[in-house]
């Protein structure tokens, strides 16, 4: 998993898995989903990220099984 924030465009890109993107679906005018050939979500793009997410405070927690 990879998370990138592009400050110059205020864009948050979250890649869940690498893969060849065959389709991008627009959920709304500021949210895009990238899908692979099997329809699996590979990534999500959020425009205007500072307005929509608390990107200054990223917390990652892995819960043991």
PDB file of N, CA and C in Angstrom:
ATOM      1  N   UNK A   1       0.850  -1.169   0.000  1.00  0.00           N
ATOM      2  CA  UNK A   1       0.000   0.000   0.000  1.00  0.00           C
ATOM      3  C   UNK A   1       0.893   1.228   0.000  1.00  0.00           C
ATOM      4  N   UNK A   2       0.491   2.226  -0.778  1.00  0.00           N
ATOM      5  CA  UNK A   2       1.270   3.455  -0.880  1.00  0.00           C
ATOM      6  C   UNK A   2       0.312   4.637  -0.805  1.00  0.00           C
ATOM      7  N   UNK A   3       0.677   5.629  -0.006  1.00  0.00           N
ATOM      8  CA  UNK A   3      -0.127   6.851   0.115  1.00  0.00           C
ATOM      9  C   UNK A   3       0.752   8.019  -0.283  1.00  0.00           C
ATOM     10  N   UNK A   4       0.244   8.848  -1.209  1.00  0.00           N
ATOM     11  CA  UNK A   4       0.976  10.026  -1.655  1.00  0.00           C
ATOM     12  C   UNK A   4       0.073  11.246  -1.532  1.00  0.00           C
ATOM     13  N   UNK A   5       0.651  12.347  -1.066  1.00  0.00           N
ATOM     14  CA  UNK A   5      -0.079  13.617  -1.026  1.00  0.00           C
ATOM     15  C   UNK A   5       0.683  14.625  -1.869  1.00  0.00           C
ATOM     16  N   UNK A   6      -0.003  15.201  -2.839  1.00  0.00           N
ATOM     17  CA  UNK A   6       0.589  16.196  -3.735  1.00  0.00           C
ATOM     18  C   UNK A   6       0.111  17.569  -3.278  1.00  0.00           C
ATOM     19  N   UNK A   7       0.975  18.243  -2.536  1.00  0.00           N
ATOM     20  CA  UNK A   7       0.613  19.518  -1.922  1.00  0.00           C
ATOM     21  C   UNK A   7       0.241  20.576  -2.956  1.00  0.00           C
ATOM     22  N   UNK A   8       0.951  20.602  -4.085  1.00  0.00           N
ATOM     23  CA  UNK A   8       0.708  21.635  -5.096  1.00  0.00           C
ATOM     24  C   UNK A   8      -0.687  21.556  -5.708  1.00  0.00           C
ATOM     25  N   UNK A   9      -1.272  20.351  -5.744  1.00  0.00           N
ATOM     26  CA  UNK A   9      -2.623  20.198  -6.305  1.00  0.00           C
ATOM     27  C   UNK A   9      -3.648  19.784  -5.244  1.00  0.00           C
ATOM     28  N   UNK A  10      -3.207  19.628  -3.989  1.00  0.00           N
ATOM     29  CA  UNK A  10      -4.061  19.196  -2.876  1.00  0.00           C
ATOM     30  C   UNK A  10      -4.788  17.896  -3.226  1.00  0.00           C
ATOM     31  N   UNK A  11      -3.992  16.923  -3.708  1.00  0.00           N
ATOM     32  CA  UNK A  11      -4.519  15.634  -4.147  1.00  0.00           C
ATOM     33  C   UNK A  11      -3.936  14.521  -3.295  1.00  0.00           C
ATOM     34  N   UNK A  12      -4.815  13.651  -2.808  1.00  0.00           N
ATOM     35  CA  UNK A  12      -4.403  12.479  -2.039  1.00  0.00           C
ATOM     36  C   UNK A  12      -4.601  11.248  -2.919  1.00  0.00           C
ATOM     37  N   UNK A  13      -3.544  10.448  -3.056  1.00  0.00           N
ATOM     38  CA  UNK A  13      -3.592   9.242  -3.879  1.00  0.00           C
ATOM     39  C   UNK A  13      -3.258   8.059  -2.982  1.00  0.00           C
ATOM     40  N   UNK A  14      -4.174   7.095  -2.894  1.00  0.00           N
ATOM     41  CA  UNK A  14      -3.964   5.905  -2.086  1.00  0.00           C
ATOM     42  C   UNK A  14      -3.973   4.693  -3.013  1.00  0.00           C
ATOM     43  N   UNK A  15      -2.834   4.043  -3.102  1.00  0.00           N
ATOM     44  CA  UNK A  15      -2.708   2.849  -3.932  1.00  0.00           C
ATOM     45  C   UNK A  15      -2.795   1.631  -3.022  1.00  0.00           C
ATOM     46  N   UNK A  16      -3.802   0.804  -3.239  1.00  0.00           N
ATOM     47  CA  UNK A  16      -3.997  -0.392  -2.437  1.00  0.00           C
ATOM     48  C   UNK A  16      -3.161  -1.558  -2.936  1.00  0.00           C
ATOM     49  N   UNK A  17      -3.004  -1.629  -4.241  1.00  0.00           N
ATOM     50  CA  UNK A  17      -2.200  -2.688  -4.849  1.00  0.00           C
ATOM     51  C   UNK A  17      -1.712  -2.187  -6.203  1.00  0.00           C
ATOM     52  N   UNK A  18      -0.487  -2.537  -6.572  1.00  0.00           N
ATOM     53  CA  UNK A  18      -0.028  -2.172  -7.906  1.00  0.00           C
ATOM     54  C   UNK A  18      -0.730  -3.036  -8.946  1.00  0.00           C
ATOM     55  N   UNK A  19      -0.882  -2.515 -10.104  1.00  0.00           N
ATOM     56  CA  UNK A  19      -1.511  -3.279 -11.171  1.00  0.00           C
ATOM     57  C   UNK A  19      -1.795  -2.398 -12.370  1.00  0.00           C
ATOM     58  N   UNK A  20      -2.177  -3.038 -13.443  1.00  0.00           N
ATOM     59  CA  UNK A  20      -2.528  -2.310 -14.650  1.00  0.00           C
ATOM     60  C   UNK A  20      -3.949  -1.788 -14.506  1.00  0.00           C
ATOM     61  N   UNK A  21      -4.096  -0.487 -14.551  1.00  0.00           N
ATOM     62  CA  UNK A  21      -5.407   0.147 -14.433  1.00  0.00           C
ATOM     63  C   UNK A  21      -6.084   0.077 -15.799  1.00  0.00           C
ATOM     64  N   UNK A  22      -7.269  -0.513 -15.835  1.00  0.00           N
ATOM     65  CA  UNK A  22      -7.998  -0.612 -17.098  1.00  0.00           C
ATOM     66  C   UNK A  22      -9.222   0.300 -17.119  1.00  0.00           C
ATOM     67  N   UNK A  23      -9.624   0.775 -15.948  1.00  0.00           N
ATOM     68  CA  UNK A  23     -10.801   1.652 -15.887  1.00  0.00           C
ATOM     69  C   UNK A  23     -10.682   2.577 -14.690  1.00  0.00           C
ATOM     70  N   UNK A  24     -11.084   3.823 -14.883  1.00  0.00           N
ATOM     71  CA  UNK A  24     -11.187   4.785 -13.789  1.00  0.00           C
ATOM     72  C   UNK A  24     -12.636   5.213 -13.697  1.00  0.00           C
ATOM     73  N   UNK A  25     -13.212   5.024 -12.518  1.00  0.00           N
ATOM     74  CA  UNK A  25     -14.611   5.406 -12.294  1.00  0.00           C
ATOM     75  C   UNK A  25     -14.663   6.664 -11.439  1.00  0.00           C
ATOM     76  N   UNK A  26     -15.508   7.579 -11.850  1.00  0.00           N
ATOM     77  CA  UNK A  26     -15.692   8.814 -11.112  1.00  0.00           C
ATOM     78  C   UNK A  26     -16.852   8.633 -10.141  1.00  0.00           C
ATOM     79  N   UNK A  27     -16.541   8.653  -8.835  1.00  0.00           N
ATOM     80  CA  UNK A  27     -17.603   8.539  -7.836  1.00  0.00           C
ATOM     81  C   UNK A  27     -18.341   9.855  -7.656  1.00  0.00           C
ATOM     82  N   UNK A  28     -17.583  10.938  -7.690  1.00  0.00           N
ATOM     83  CA  UNK A  28     -18.117  12.295  -7.743  1.00  0.00           C
ATOM     84  C   UNK A  28     -17.045  13.135  -8.430  1.00  0.00           C
ATOM     85  N   UNK A  29     -17.248  14.406  -8.536  1.00  0.00           N
ATOM     86  CA  UNK A  29     -16.301  15.201  -9.334  1.00  0.00           C
ATOM     87  C   UNK A  29     -14.909  15.280  -8.713  1.00  0.00           C
ATOM     88  N   UNK A  30     -14.752  14.873  -7.455  1.00  0.00           N
ATOM     89  CA  UNK A  30     -13.460  14.944  -6.785  1.00  0.00           C
ATOM     90  C   UNK A  30     -12.942  13.606  -6.273  1.00  0.00           C
ATOM     91  N   UNK A  31     -13.586  12.496  -6.665  1.00  0.00           N
ATOM     92  CA  UNK A  31     -13.179  11.176  -6.193  1.00  0.00           C
ATOM     93  C   UNK A  31     -13.142  10.197  -7.359  1.00  0.00           C
ATOM     94  N   UNK A  32     -11.980   9.569  -7.559  1.00  0.00           N
ATOM     95  CA  UNK A  32     -11.789   8.621  -8.656  1.00  0.00           C
ATOM     96  C   UNK A  32     -11.333   7.275  -8.114  1.00  0.00           C
ATOM     97  N   UNK A  33     -11.879   6.196  -8.671  1.00  0.00           N
ATOM     98  CA  UNK A  33     -11.453   4.835  -8.345  1.00  0.00           C
ATOM     99  C   UNK A  33     -10.762   4.231  -9.557  1.00  0.00           C
ATOM    100  N   UNK A  34      -9.588   3.664  -9.355  1.00  0.00           N
ATOM    101  CA  UNK A  34      -8.863   2.967 -10.417  1.00  0.00           C
ATOM    102  C   UNK A  34      -9.069   1.471 -10.243  1.00  0.00           C
ATOM    103  N   UNK A  35      -9.512   0.801 -11.317  1.00  0.00           N
ATOM    104  CA  UNK A  35      -9.815  -0.627 -11.278  1.00  0.00           C
ATOM    105  C   UNK A  35      -8.922  -1.404 -12.227  1.00  0.00           C
ATOM    106  N   UNK A  36      -8.626  -2.654 -11.841  1.00  0.00           N
ATOM    107  CA  UNK A  36      -7.862  -3.522 -12.727  1.00  0.00           C
ATOM    108  C   UNK A  36      -8.815  -4.319 -13.624  1.00  0.00           C
ATOM    109  N   UNK A  37      -8.290  -5.244 -14.397  1.00  0.00           N
ATOM    110  CA  UNK A  37      -9.093  -6.008 -15.354  1.00  0.00           C
ATOM    111  C   UNK A  37     -10.149  -6.886 -14.681  1.00  0.00           C
ATOM    112  N   UNK A  38      -9.935  -7.252 -13.416  1.00  0.00           N
ATOM    113  CA  UNK A  38     -10.909  -8.077 -12.692  1.00  0.00           C
ATOM    114  C   UNK A  38     -11.940  -7.240 -11.928  1.00  0.00           C
ATOM    115  N   UNK A  39     -11.823  -5.913 -12.042  1.00  0.00           N
ATOM    116  CA  UNK A  39     -12.750  -5.029 -11.342  1.00  0.00           C
ATOM    117  C   UNK A  39     -12.355  -4.743  -9.907  1.00  0.00           C
ATOM    118  N   UNK A  40     -11.150  -5.153  -9.528  1.00  0.00           N
ATOM    119  CA  UNK A  40     -10.640  -4.905  -8.181  1.00  0.00           C
ATOM    120  C   UNK A  40     -10.172  -3.450  -8.068  1.00  0.00           C
ATOM    121  N   UNK A  41     -10.451  -2.820  -6.937  1.00  0.00           N
ATOM    122  CA  UNK A  41      -9.992  -1.448  -6.706  1.00  0.00           C
ATOM    123  C   UNK A  41      -8.495  -1.479  -6.438  1.00  0.00           C
ATOM    124  N   UNK A  42      -7.749  -0.747  -7.258  1.00  0.00           N
ATOM    125  CA  UNK A  42      -6.298  -0.647  -7.094  1.00  0.00           C
ATOM    126  C   UNK A  42      -5.905   0.636  -6.375  1.00  0.00           C
ATOM    127  N   UNK A  43      -6.688   1.709  -6.608  1.00  0.00           N
ATOM    128  CA  UNK A  43      -6.322   3.000  -6.029  1.00  0.00           C
ATOM    129  C   UNK A  43      -7.537   3.914  -5.979  1.00  0.00           C
ATOM    130  N   UNK A  44      -7.420   4.937  -5.132  1.00  0.00           N
ATOM    131  CA  UNK A  44      -8.432   5.978  -5.042  1.00  0.00           C
ATOM    132  C   UNK A  44      -7.718   7.323  -5.037  1.00  0.00           C
ATOM    133  N   UNK A  45      -8.292   8.284  -5.728  1.00  0.00           N
ATOM    134  CA  UNK A  45      -7.759   9.639  -5.777  1.00  0.00           C
ATOM    135  C   UNK A  45      -8.794  10.595  -5.201  1.00  0.00           C
ATOM    136  N   UNK A  46      -8.357  11.444  -4.248  1.00  0.00           N
ATOM    137  CA  UNK A  46      -9.227  12.454  -3.661  1.00  0.00           C
ATOM    138  C   UNK A  46      -8.678  13.836  -3.984  1.00  0.00           C
ATOM    139  N   UNK A  47      -9.437  14.616  -4.709  1.00  0.00           N
ATOM    140  CA  UNK A  47      -9.081  16.011  -4.975  1.00  0.00           C
ATOM    141  C   UNK A  47      -9.588  16.864  -3.811  1.00  0.00           C
ATOM    142  N   UNK A  48      -8.979  18.030  -3.609  1.00  0.00           N
ATOM    143  CA  UNK A  48      -9.332  18.933  -2.496  1.00  0.00           C
ATOM    144  C   UNK A  48      -9.234  18.182  -1.170  1.00  0.00           C
ATOM    145  N   UNK A  49      -8.140  17.468  -1.006  1.00  0.00           N
ATOM    146  CA  UNK A  49      -7.970  16.547   0.113  1.00  0.00           C
ATOM    147  C   UNK A  49      -8.007  17.237   1.475  1.00  0.00           C
ATOM    148  N   UNK A  50      -7.448  18.414   1.600  1.00  0.00           N
ATOM    149  CA  UNK A  50      -7.447  19.099   2.907  1.00  0.00           C
ATOM    150  C   UNK A  50      -8.856  19.416   3.382  1.00  0.00           C
ATOM    151  N   UNK A  51      -9.764  19.674   2.458  1.00  0.00           N
ATOM    152  CA  UNK A  51     -11.153  19.954   2.824  1.00  0.00           C
ATOM    153  C   UNK A  51     -11.896  18.673   3.193  1.00  0.00           C
ATOM    154  N   UNK A  52     -11.450  17.529   2.685  1.00  0.00           N
ATOM    155  CA  UNK A  52     -12.209  16.292   2.788  1.00  0.00           C
ATOM    156  C   UNK A  52     -11.623  15.267   3.749  1.00  0.00           C
ATOM    157  N   UNK A  53     -10.392  15.452   4.166  1.00  0.00           N
ATOM    158  CA  UNK A  53      -9.746  14.475   5.048  1.00  0.00           C
ATOM    159  C   UNK A  53      -8.756  15.198   5.952  1.00  0.00           C
ATOM    160  N   UNK A  54      -8.487  14.621   7.080  1.00  0.00           N
ATOM    161  CA  UNK A  54      -7.518  15.183   8.027  1.00  0.00           C
ATOM    162  C   UNK A  54      -6.132  14.669   7.665  1.00  0.00           C
ATOM    163  N   UNK A  55      -5.610  15.148   6.551  1.00  0.00           N
ATOM    164  CA  UNK A  55      -4.351  14.607   6.026  1.00  0.00           C
ATOM    165  C   UNK A  55      -3.126  15.004   6.842  1.00  0.00           C
ATOM    166  N   UNK A  56      -3.265  15.998   7.712  1.00  0.00           N
ATOM    167  CA  UNK A  56      -2.130  16.383   8.553  1.00  0.00           C
ATOM    168  C   UNK A  56      -1.866  15.361   9.658  1.00  0.00           C
ATOM    169  N   UNK A  57      -2.827  14.485   9.922  1.00  0.00           N
ATOM    170  CA  UNK A  57      -2.696  13.500  10.993  1.00  0.00           C
ATOM    171  C   UNK A  57      -2.989  12.101  10.447  1.00  0.00           C
ATOM    172  N   UNK A  58      -1.987  11.504   9.865  1.00  0.00           N
ATOM    173  CA  UNK A  58      -2.125  10.161   9.319  1.00  0.00           C
ATOM    174  C   UNK A  58      -1.767   9.143  10.392  1.00  0.00           C
ATOM    175  N   UNK A  59      -2.643   8.193  10.609  1.00  0.00           N
ATOM    176  CA  UNK A  59      -2.415   7.152  11.603  1.00  0.00           C
ATOM    177  C   UNK A  59      -2.662   5.807  10.939  1.00  0.00           C
ATOM    178  N   UNK A  60      -1.698   4.913  11.073  1.00  0.00           N
ATOM    179  CA  UNK A  60      -1.830   3.575  10.518  1.00  0.00           C
ATOM    180  C   UNK A  60      -1.767   2.592  11.674  1.00  0.00           C
ATOM    181  N   UNK A  61      -2.733   1.701  11.730  1.00  0.00           N
ATOM    182  CA  UNK A  61      -2.758   0.710  12.800  1.00  0.00           C
ATOM    183  C   UNK A  61      -3.032  -0.655  12.202  1.00  0.00           C
ATOM    184  N   UNK A  62      -2.191  -1.605  12.527  1.00  0.00           N
ATOM    185  CA  UNK A  62      -2.396  -2.969  12.053  1.00  0.00           C
ATOM    186  C   UNK A  62      -2.879  -3.797  13.237  1.00  0.00           C
ATOM    187  N   UNK A  63      -4.067  -4.356  13.106  1.00  0.00           N
ATOM    188  CA  UNK A  63      -4.695  -5.125  14.177  1.00  0.00           C
ATOM    189  C   UNK A  63      -4.278  -6.595  14.035  1.00  0.00           C
ATOM    190  N   UNK A  64      -3.724  -7.198  15.089  1.00  0.00           N
ATOM    191  CA  UNK A  64      -3.342  -8.607  14.979  1.00  0.00           C
ATOM    192  C   UNK A  64      -4.561  -9.518  14.819  1.00  0.00           C
ATOM    193  N   UNK A  65      -4.355 -10.611  14.127  1.00  0.00           N
ATOM    194  CA  UNK A  65      -5.446 -11.571  13.893  1.00  0.00           C
ATOM    195  C   UNK A  65      -5.751 -12.366  15.134  1.00  0.00           C
TER     196      UNK A  65
END
